[in-house]
PDB file of N, CA and C in Angstrom:
ATOM      1  N   MET A   1     -25.631   6.398   2.450  1.00  0.00           N
ATOM      2  CA  MET A   1     -24.508   6.200   1.561  1.00  0.00           C
ATOM      3  C   MET A   1     -24.471   4.727   1.169  1.00  0.00           C
ATOM      4  N   GLY A   2     -24.465   4.463  -0.104  1.00  0.00           N
ATOM      5  CA  GLY A   2     -24.431   3.099  -0.605  1.00  0.00           C
ATOM      6  C   GLY A   2     -23.019   2.600  -0.824  1.00  0.00           C
ATOM      7  N   ILE A   3     -22.904   1.340  -1.164  1.00  0.00           N
ATOM      8  CA  ILE A   3     -21.602   0.718  -1.384  1.00  0.00           C
ATOM      9  C   ILE A   3     -20.875   1.383  -2.551  1.00  0.00           C
ATOM     10  N   ASP A   4     -21.599   1.796  -3.578  1.00  0.00           N
ATOM     11  CA  ASP A   4     -20.971   2.464  -4.716  1.00  0.00           C
ATOM     12  C   ASP A   4     -20.343   3.786  -4.293  1.00  0.00           C
ATOM     13  N   ASP A   5     -21.020   4.507  -3.399  1.00  0.00           N
ATOM     14  CA  ASP A   5     -20.474   5.761  -2.892  1.00  0.00           C
ATOM     15  C   ASP A   5     -19.182   5.520  -2.119  1.00  0.00           C
ATOM     16  N   ILE A   6     -19.165   4.487  -1.316  1.00  0.00           N
ATOM     17  CA  ILE A   6     -17.979   4.156  -0.529  1.00  0.00           C
ATOM     18  C   ILE A   6     -16.821   3.782  -1.452  1.00  0.00           C
ATOM     19  N   ILE A   7     -17.101   2.979  -2.451  1.00  0.00           N
ATOM     20  CA  ILE A   7     -16.069   2.571  -3.409  1.00  0.00           C
ATOM     21  C   ILE A   7     -15.516   3.781  -4.149  1.00  0.00           C
ATOM     22  N   ASN A   8     -16.391   4.673  -4.579  1.00  0.00           N
ATOM     23  CA  ASN A   8     -15.935   5.867  -5.298  1.00  0.00           C
ATOM     24  C   ASN A   8     -15.093   6.769  -4.405  1.00  0.00           C
ATOM     25  N   LYS A   9     -15.459   6.907  -3.136  1.00  0.00           N
ATOM     26  CA  LYS A   9     -14.672   7.710  -2.205  1.00  0.00           C
ATOM     27  C   LYS A   9     -13.293   7.081  -1.993  1.00  0.00           C
ATOM     28  N   ALA A  10     -13.241   5.764  -1.899  1.00  0.00           N
ATOM     29  CA  ALA A  10     -11.964   5.076  -1.734  1.00  0.00           C
ATOM     30  C   ALA A  10     -11.082   5.280  -2.967  1.00  0.00           C
ATOM     31  N   LYS A  11     -11.661   5.208  -4.148  1.00  0.00           N
ATOM     32  CA  LYS A  11     -10.901   5.444  -5.380  1.00  0.00           C
ATOM     33  C   LYS A  11     -10.366   6.868  -5.420  1.00  0.00           C
ATOM     34  N   ASP A  12     -11.181   7.824  -5.016  1.00  0.00           N
ATOM     35  CA  ASP A  12     -10.737   9.217  -4.980  1.00  0.00           C
ATOM     36  C   ASP A  12      -9.584   9.390  -4.004  1.00  0.00           C
ATOM     37  N   LEU A  13      -9.678   8.764  -2.838  1.00  0.00           N
ATOM     38  CA  LEU A  13      -8.629   8.876  -1.838  1.00  0.00           C
ATOM     39  C   LEU A  13      -7.334   8.250  -2.338  1.00  0.00           C
ATOM     40  N   LEU A  14      -7.413   7.074  -2.941  1.00  0.00           N
ATOM     41  CA  LEU A  14      -6.206   6.417  -3.430  1.00  0.00           C
ATOM     42  C   LEU A  14      -5.519   7.232  -4.504  1.00  0.00           C
ATOM     43  N   GLY A  15      -6.263   8.001  -5.253  1.00  0.00           N
ATOM     44  CA  GLY A  15      -5.683   8.821  -6.312  1.00  0.00           C
ATOM     45  C   GLY A  15      -5.120  10.138  -5.822  1.00  0.00           C
ATOM     46  N   SER A  16      -5.224  10.413  -4.530  1.00  0.00           N
ATOM     47  CA  SER A  16      -4.761  11.682  -3.974  1.00  0.00           C
ATOM     48  C   SER A  16      -3.396  11.522  -3.311  1.00  0.00           C
ATOM     49  N   GLU A  17      -2.750  12.643  -3.025  1.00  0.00           N
ATOM     50  CA  GLU A  17      -1.474  12.620  -2.316  1.00  0.00           C
ATOM     51  C   GLU A  17      -1.656  12.042  -0.916  1.00  0.00           C
ATOM     52  N   GLN A  18      -2.766  12.379  -0.274  1.00  0.00           N
ATOM     53  CA  GLN A  18      -3.055  11.839   1.055  1.00  0.00           C
ATOM     54  C   GLN A  18      -3.197  10.316   0.988  1.00  0.00           C
ATOM     55  N   GLY A  19      -3.871   9.842  -0.033  1.00  0.00           N
ATOM     56  CA  GLY A  19      -4.028   8.400  -0.219  1.00  0.00           C
ATOM     57  C   GLY A  19      -2.690   7.718  -0.452  1.00  0.00           C
ATOM     58  N   GLU A  20      -1.818   8.374  -1.204  1.00  0.00           N
ATOM     59  CA  GLU A  20      -0.470   7.833  -1.446  1.00  0.00           C
ATOM     60  C   GLU A  20       0.293   7.706  -0.134  1.00  0.00           C
ATOM     61  N   GLN A  21       0.207   8.717   0.700  1.00  0.00           N
ATOM     62  CA  GLN A  21       0.896   8.685   1.992  1.00  0.00           C
ATOM     63  C   GLN A  21       0.342   7.580   2.887  1.00  0.00           C
ATOM     64  N   ILE A  22      -0.976   7.446   2.897  1.00  0.00           N
ATOM     65  CA  ILE A  22      -1.608   6.410   3.720  1.00  0.00           C
ATOM     66  C   ILE A  22      -1.219   5.021   3.226  1.00  0.00           C
ATOM     67  N   SER A  23      -1.287   4.814   1.918  1.00  0.00           N
ATOM     68  CA  SER A  23      -0.951   3.489   1.385  1.00  0.00           C
ATOM     69  C   SER A  23       0.520   3.167   1.628  1.00  0.00           C
ATOM     70  N   ASP A  24       1.409   4.154   1.497  1.00  0.00           N
ATOM     71  CA  ASP A  24       2.828   3.914   1.768  1.00  0.00           C
ATOM     72  C   ASP A  24       3.045   3.528   3.231  1.00  0.00           C
ATOM     73  N   THR A  25       2.376   4.221   4.134  1.00  0.00           N
ATOM     74  CA  THR A  25       2.504   3.921   5.559  1.00  0.00           C
ATOM     75  C   THR A  25       2.031   2.503   5.868  1.00  0.00           C
ATOM     76  N   VAL A  26       0.864   2.146   5.329  1.00  0.00           N
ATOM     77  CA  VAL A  26       0.315   0.806   5.572  1.00  0.00           C
ATOM     78  C   VAL A  26       1.243  -0.263   4.994  1.00  0.00           C
ATOM     79  N   LEU A  27       1.721  -0.049   3.781  1.00  0.00           N
ATOM     80  CA  LEU A  27       2.609  -1.032   3.158  1.00  0.00           C
ATOM     81  C   LEU A  27       3.939  -1.145   3.905  1.00  0.00           C
ATOM     82  N   ASP A  28       4.475  -0.016   4.370  1.00  0.00           N
ATOM     83  CA  ASP A  28       5.724  -0.043   5.133  1.00  0.00           C
ATOM     84  C   ASP A  28       5.554  -0.831   6.431  1.00  0.00           C
ATOM     85  N   LYS A  29       4.447  -0.578   7.119  1.00  0.00           N
ATOM     86  CA  LYS A  29       4.209  -1.284   8.384  1.00  0.00           C
ATOM     87  C   LYS A  29       3.982  -2.773   8.150  1.00  0.00           C
ATOM     88  N   ALA A  30       3.226  -3.109   7.108  1.00  0.00           N
ATOM     89  CA  ALA A  30       2.959  -4.518   6.808  1.00  0.00           C
ATOM     90  C   ALA A  30       4.244  -5.244   6.421  1.00  0.00           C
ATOM     91  N   SER A  31       5.071  -4.620   5.589  1.00  0.00           N
ATOM     92  CA  SER A  31       6.321  -5.274   5.197  1.00  0.00           C
ATOM     93  C   SER A  31       7.285  -5.352   6.378  1.00  0.00           C
ATOM     94  N   GLY A  32       7.291  -4.339   7.234  1.00  0.00           N
ATOM     95  CA  GLY A  32       8.118  -4.378   8.434  1.00  0.00           C
ATOM     96  C   GLY A  32       7.710  -5.512   9.360  1.00  0.00           C
ATOM     97  N   LEU A  33       6.416  -5.679   9.531  1.00  0.00           N
ATOM     98  CA  LEU A  33       5.902  -6.765  10.364  1.00  0.00           C
ATOM     99  C   LEU A  33       6.278  -8.126   9.768  1.00  0.00           C
ATOM    100  N   ALA A  34       6.102  -8.257   8.468  1.00  0.00           N
ATOM    101  CA  ALA A  34       6.447  -9.521   7.809  1.00  0.00           C
ATOM    102  C   ALA A  34       7.935  -9.820   7.963  1.00  0.00           C
ATOM    103  N   ASN A  35       8.770  -8.800   7.848  1.00  0.00           N
ATOM    104  CA  ASN A  35      10.211  -9.000   8.033  1.00  0.00           C
ATOM    105  C   ASN A  35      10.540  -9.378   9.476  1.00  0.00           C
ATOM    106  N   ASP A  36       9.843  -8.757  10.431  1.00  0.00           N
ATOM    107  CA  ASP A  36      10.053  -9.096  11.841  1.00  0.00           C
ATOM    108  C   ASP A  36       9.666 -10.552  12.118  1.00  0.00           C
ATOM    109  N   VAL A  37       8.521 -10.957  11.596  1.00  0.00           N
ATOM    110  CA  VAL A  37       8.018 -12.311  11.837  1.00  0.00           C
ATOM    111  C   VAL A  37       8.951 -13.357  11.228  1.00  0.00           C
ATOM    112  N   THR A  38       9.515 -13.055  10.074  1.00  0.00           N
ATOM    113  CA  THR A  38      10.385 -14.021   9.390  1.00  0.00           C
ATOM    114  C   THR A  38      11.855 -13.830   9.746  1.00  0.00           C
ATOM    115  N   GLY A  39      12.139 -12.884  10.651  1.00  0.00           N
ATOM    116  CA  GLY A  39      13.523 -12.634  11.031  1.00  0.00           C
ATOM    117  C   GLY A  39      14.354 -12.065   9.896  1.00  0.00           C
ATOM    118  N   GLY A  40      13.703 -11.435   8.934  1.00  0.00           N
ATOM    119  CA  GLY A  40      14.401 -10.830   7.803  1.00  0.00           C
ATOM    120  C   GLY A  40      14.848 -11.837   6.755  1.00  0.00           C
ATOM    121  N   LYS A  41      14.482 -13.088   6.937  1.00  0.00           N
ATOM    122  CA  LYS A  41      14.919 -14.157   6.034  1.00  0.00           C
ATOM    123  C   LYS A  41      14.445 -13.942   4.592  1.00  0.00           C
ATOM    124  N   PHE A  42      13.283 -13.324   4.433  1.00  0.00           N
ATOM    125  CA  PHE A  42      12.695 -13.123   3.100  1.00  0.00           C
ATOM    126  C   PHE A  42      12.575 -11.637   2.759  1.00  0.00           C
ATOM    127  N   GLU A  43      13.474 -10.832   3.294  1.00  0.00           N
ATOM    128  CA  GLU A  43      13.370  -9.378   3.139  1.00  0.00           C
ATOM    129  C   GLU A  43      13.308  -8.946   1.672  1.00  0.00           C
ATOM    130  N   GLY A  44      14.117  -9.532   0.836  1.00  0.00           N
ATOM    131  CA  GLY A  44      14.123  -9.173  -0.585  1.00  0.00           C
ATOM    132  C   GLY A  44      12.789  -9.454  -1.254  1.00  0.00           C
ATOM    133  N   GLN A  45      12.217 -10.611  -0.976  1.00  0.00           N
ATOM    134  CA  GLN A  45      10.930 -10.974  -1.555  1.00  0.00           C
ATOM    135  C   GLN A  45       9.819 -10.086  -1.000  1.00  0.00           C
ATOM    136  N   ILE A  46       9.853  -9.838   0.297  1.00  0.00           N
ATOM    137  CA  ILE A  46       8.828  -9.008   0.931  1.00  0.00           C
ATOM    138  C   ILE A  46       8.880  -7.592   0.369  1.00  0.00           C
ATOM    139  N   ASP A  47      10.082  -7.044   0.231  1.00  0.00           N
ATOM    140  CA  ASP A  47      10.218  -5.699  -0.321  1.00  0.00           C
ATOM    141  C   ASP A  47       9.746  -5.648  -1.774  1.00  0.00           C
ATOM    142  N   GLY A  48      10.010  -6.709  -2.520  1.00  0.00           N
ATOM    143  CA  GLY A  48       9.552  -6.772  -3.907  1.00  0.00           C
ATOM    144  C   GLY A  48       8.037  -6.771  -4.003  1.00  0.00           C
ATOM    145  N   VAL A  49       7.391  -7.537  -3.141  1.00  0.00           N
ATOM    146  CA  VAL A  49       5.921  -7.573  -3.117  1.00  0.00           C
ATOM    147  C   VAL A  49       5.377  -6.216  -2.706  1.00  0.00           C
ATOM    148  N   ARG A  50       6.000  -5.600  -1.690  1.00  0.00           N
ATOM    149  CA  ARG A  50       5.574  -4.272  -1.225  1.00  0.00           C
ATOM    150  C   ARG A  50       5.636  -3.260  -2.372  1.00  0.00           C
ATOM    151  N   ASP A  51       6.739  -3.285  -3.124  1.00  0.00           N
ATOM    152  CA  ASP A  51       6.908  -2.344  -4.233  1.00  0.00           C
ATOM    153  C   ASP A  51       5.903  -2.605  -5.357  1.00  0.00           C
ATOM    154  N   THR A  52       5.622  -3.878  -5.611  1.00  0.00           N
ATOM    155  CA  THR A  52       4.648  -4.227  -6.643  1.00  0.00           C
ATOM    156  C   THR A  52       3.259  -3.719  -6.267  1.00  0.00           C
ATOM    157  N   ILE A  53       2.874  -3.922  -5.019  1.00  0.00           N
ATOM    158  CA  ILE A  53       1.567  -3.449  -4.562  1.00  0.00           C
ATOM    159  C   ILE A  53       1.516  -1.936  -4.609  1.00  0.00           C
ATOM    160  N   ASP A  54       2.583  -1.285  -4.168  1.00  0.00           N
ATOM    161  CA  ASP A  54       2.624   0.179  -4.187  1.00  0.00           C
ATOM    162  C   ASP A  54       2.477   0.712  -5.606  1.00  0.00           C
ATOM    163  N   GLY A  55       3.129   0.051  -6.541  1.00  0.00           N
ATOM    164  CA  GLY A  55       3.020   0.472  -7.933  1.00  0.00           C
ATOM    165  C   GLY A  55       1.611   0.293  -8.492  1.00  0.00           C
ATOM    166  N   ALA A  56       0.922  -0.729  -8.012  1.00  0.00           N
ATOM    167  CA  ALA A  56      -0.423  -1.001  -8.501  1.00  0.00           C
ATOM    168  C   ALA A  56      -1.464  -0.043  -7.934  1.00  0.00           C
ATOM    169  N   ILE A  57      -1.273   0.386  -6.676  1.00  0.00           N
ATOM    170  CA  ILE A  57      -2.287   1.242  -6.067  1.00  0.00           C
ATOM    171  C   ILE A  57      -1.831   2.674  -5.888  1.00  0.00           C
ATOM    172  N   GLY A  58      -0.547   2.929  -6.001  1.00  0.00           N
ATOM    173  CA  GLY A  58      -0.023   4.267  -5.774  1.00  0.00           C
ATOM    174  C   GLY A  58      -0.232   5.186  -6.963  1.00  0.00           C
ATOM    175  N   ASN A  59       0.082   6.466  -6.724  1.00  0.00           N
ATOM    176  CA  ASN A  59      -0.080   7.439  -7.810  1.00  0.00           C
ATOM    177  C   ASN A  59       1.211   8.159  -8.132  1.00  0.00           C
ATOM    178  N   GLU A  60       2.328   7.769  -7.519  1.00  0.00           N
ATOM    179  CA  GLU A  60       3.590   8.411  -7.842  1.00  0.00           C
ATOM    180  C   GLU A  60       3.962   8.075  -9.284  1.00  0.00           C
ATOM    181  N   GLY A  61       4.392   9.090  -9.998  1.00  0.00           N
ATOM    182  CA  GLY A  61       4.780   8.893 -11.381  1.00  0.00           C
ATOM    183  C   GLY A  61       3.617   8.837 -12.340  1.00  0.00           C
ATOM    184  N   LYS A  62       2.398   9.015 -11.846  1.00  0.00           N
ATOM    185  CA  LYS A  62       1.231   8.961 -12.731  1.00  0.00           C
ATOM    186  C   LYS A  62       0.806  10.355 -13.107  1.00  0.00           C
TER     187      LYS A  62
END
């Protein structure tokens, strides 16, 4: 399996419902960790970045 095959499989996964669930879980955990580390001081900004990334890679509404 070459790098192109891996990239294509990743694109297929991201476009699926399973990929959406995985990306949401990863983003939720990452934003939760960032909020924990900062003591919630930047929660609004962190949530905004999380939503922007989700919109860029997610498939909800597409």
